[in-house]
Amino acid sequence: MTGQRIAGGLAVAFGLLTVVSGGTALFGAVDMGAVVPFVLWFNFVAGLAYIVGGILLWRGHPLALPVALAILVATAAVFAAFLWRVAAGGAFEMRTLGAMTLRTAFWAAMAWVAWRGRGGRAEGRG
């Protein structure tokens, strides 16, 4: 349970930072360079889901795993669309590539922690 609480706290903090940075980029007068609007909007809205997922994980709630998996799948799908755009020659910032890699890896880790919290084991059973 301690691992879930740490992961949940990290997810909530990550969500808060995501909402603040996304909100600043979307609604502030800051030039962010060659942003990809659908990625920026997704990350801003996903930040709210990160907070919910983090709270569920913190509490050891049964919905923590499905929410973490949903965030992971949605993030991976947006990342794939972003990579498609990059391959097609669209303008982008390298930091977006790094951020999407980090977000995907982070939610893969959160899903793993939630799975372990439900009694899942990395090794085979038998």
Protein backbone atom coordinates (compact mmCIF):
# COMPACT_ATOMS: atom_id res chain seq x y z
CA MET A 1 0.00 0.00 0.00
CA THR A 2 2.90 2.38 0.65
CA GLY A 3 4.01 2.11 -2.98
CA GLN A 4 0.50 3.02 -4.10
CA ARG A 5 0.44 6.05 -1.82
CA ILE A 6 3.79 7.30 -3.12
CA ALA A 7 2.72 6.71 -6.72
CA GLY A 8 -0.63 8.38 -6.07
CA GLY A 9 1.06 11.42 -4.59
CA LEU A 10 3.41 11.64 -7.55
CA ALA A 11 0.49 11.33 -9.98
CA VAL A 12 -1.44 14.13 -8.23
CA ALA A 13 1.65 16.38 -8.27
CA PHE A 14 2.27 15.53 -11.94
CA GLY A 15 -1.36 16.35 -12.69
CA LEU A 16 -1.24 19.70 -10.92
CA LEU A 17 1.97 20.65 -12.73
CA THR A 18 0.44 19.55 -16.04
CA VAL A 19 -2.69 21.65 -15.54
CA VAL A 20 -0.64 24.72 -14.55
CA SER A 21 1.87 24.42 -17.40
CA GLY A 22 -0.82 23.56 -19.95
CA GLY A 23 -3.01 26.42 -18.78
CA THR A 24 -0.10 28.83 -19.02
CA ALA A 25 0.67 27.67 -22.57
CA LEU A 26 -2.97 27.77 -23.64
CA PHE A 27 -4.20 30.90 -21.91
CA GLY A 28 -1.04 32.87 -21.16
CA ALA A 29 0.63 35.33 -23.47
CA VAL A 30 3.73 33.14 -23.68
CA ASP A 31 5.12 32.12 -27.08
CA MET A 32 5.69 28.37 -26.79
CA GLY A 33 7.15 27.92 -30.27
CA ALA A 34 5.85 25.26 -32.66
CA VAL A 35 3.32 23.66 -30.33
CA VAL A 36 1.01 20.98 -31.61
CA PRO A 37 -2.44 22.16 -30.52
CA PHE A 38 -4.12 18.75 -30.15
CA VAL A 39 -1.24 17.53 -27.96
CA LEU A 40 -1.33 20.68 -25.84
CA TRP A 41 -5.10 20.46 -25.30
CA PHE A 42 -4.95 16.74 -24.58
CA ASN A 43 -2.21 17.19 -21.98
CA PHE A 44 -4.09 20.04 -20.29
CA VAL A 45 -7.30 18.01 -19.98
CA ALA A 46 -5.37 14.83 -19.11
CA GLY A 47 -3.82 16.69 -16.18
CA LEU A 48 -7.24 16.63 -14.53
CA ALA A 49 -7.45 12.87 -15.12
CA TYR A 50 -3.96 12.50 -13.60
CA ILE A 51 -5.25 14.09 -10.40
CA VAL A 52 -8.25 11.76 -10.27
CA GLY A 53 -6.07 8.74 -11.07
CA GLY A 54 -3.58 9.75 -8.40
CA ILE A 55 -6.27 10.09 -5.75
CA LEU A 56 -7.69 6.67 -6.67
CA LEU A 57 -4.22 5.15 -6.51
CA TRP A 58 -3.50 6.86 -3.18
CA ARG A 59 -6.67 5.36 -1.73
CA GLY A 60 -6.05 1.91 -3.21
CA HIS A 61 -9.43 2.16 -4.93
CA PRO A 62 -10.43 -0.65 -7.33
CA LEU A 63 -10.88 1.90 -10.14
CA ALA A 64 -7.22 2.96 -9.92
CA LEU A 65 -6.13 0.31 -12.42
CA PRO A 66 -8.79 0.97 -15.10
CA VAL A 67 -8.26 4.73 -14.82
CA ALA A 68 -4.47 4.37 -15.06
CA LEU A 69 -4.88 2.08 -18.08
CA ALA A 70 -7.30 4.50 -19.74
CA ILE A 71 -4.85 7.37 -19.24
CA LEU A 72 -2.01 5.21 -20.57
CA VAL A 73 -3.94 4.15 -23.69
CA ALA A 74 -5.17 7.68 -24.41
CA THR A 75 -1.68 9.12 -23.93
CA ALA A 76 -0.14 6.47 -26.18
CA ALA A 77 -2.78 7.18 -28.86
CA VAL A 78 -2.09 10.93 -28.79
CA PHE A 79 1.66 10.21 -28.81
CA ALA A 80 1.20 8.01 -31.89
CA ALA A 81 -0.81 10.77 -33.63
CA PHE A 82 1.92 13.25 -32.72
CA LEU A 83 4.60 10.95 -34.17
CA TRP A 84 2.51 10.57 -37.34
CA ARG A 85 2.40 14.35 -37.65
CA VAL A 86 6.16 14.59 -37.13
CA ALA A 87 6.79 11.90 -39.76
CA ALA A 88 4.57 13.83 -42.18
CA GLY A 89 6.80 16.88 -41.76
CA GLY A 90 4.69 18.90 -39.32
CA ALA A 91 6.37 21.50 -37.15
CA PHE A 92 6.97 20.50 -33.55
CA GLU A 93 9.15 21.17 -30.52
CA MET A 94 11.62 18.53 -29.36
CA ARG A 95 10.45 19.08 -25.80
CA THR A 96 7.05 17.72 -26.88
CA LEU A 97 8.69 14.47 -27.93
CA GLY A 98 10.41 14.22 -24.54
CA ALA A 99 7.26 15.17 -22.62
CA MET A 100 5.10 12.61 -24.40
CA THR A 101 7.73 9.92 -23.84
CA LEU A 102 7.81 10.82 -20.14
CA ARG A 103 4.01 10.89 -19.83
CA THR A 104 3.61 7.50 -21.52
CA ALA A 105 6.32 5.90 -19.38
CA PHE A 106 4.93 7.52 -16.21
CA TRP A 107 1.42 6.13 -16.77
CA ALA A 108 2.79 2.72 -17.69
CA ALA A 109 4.48 2.78 -14.28
CA MET A 110 1.29 3.99 -12.55
CA ALA A 111 -0.72 1.19 -14.20
CA TRP A 112 1.90 -1.32 -13.06
CA VAL A 113 1.71 -0.01 -9.47
CA ALA A 114 -2.10 -0.18 -9.56
CA TRP A 115 -1.95 -3.72 -10.97
CA ARG A 116 0.46 -4.77 -8.23
CA GLY A 117 -1.84 -3.18 -5.68
CA ARG A 118 -4.64 -5.45 -6.88
CA GLY A 119 -2.50 -8.51 -6.22
CA GLY A 120 -0.87 -8.81 -9.64
CA ARG A 121 2.60 -10.30 -9.81
CA ALA A 122 5.36 -9.69 -12.32
CA GLU A 123 6.38 -13.33 -12.31
CA GLY A 124 4.17 -16.17 -13.53
CA ARG A 125 1.88 -18.00 -11.15
CA GLY A 126 1.81 -21.67 -10.76
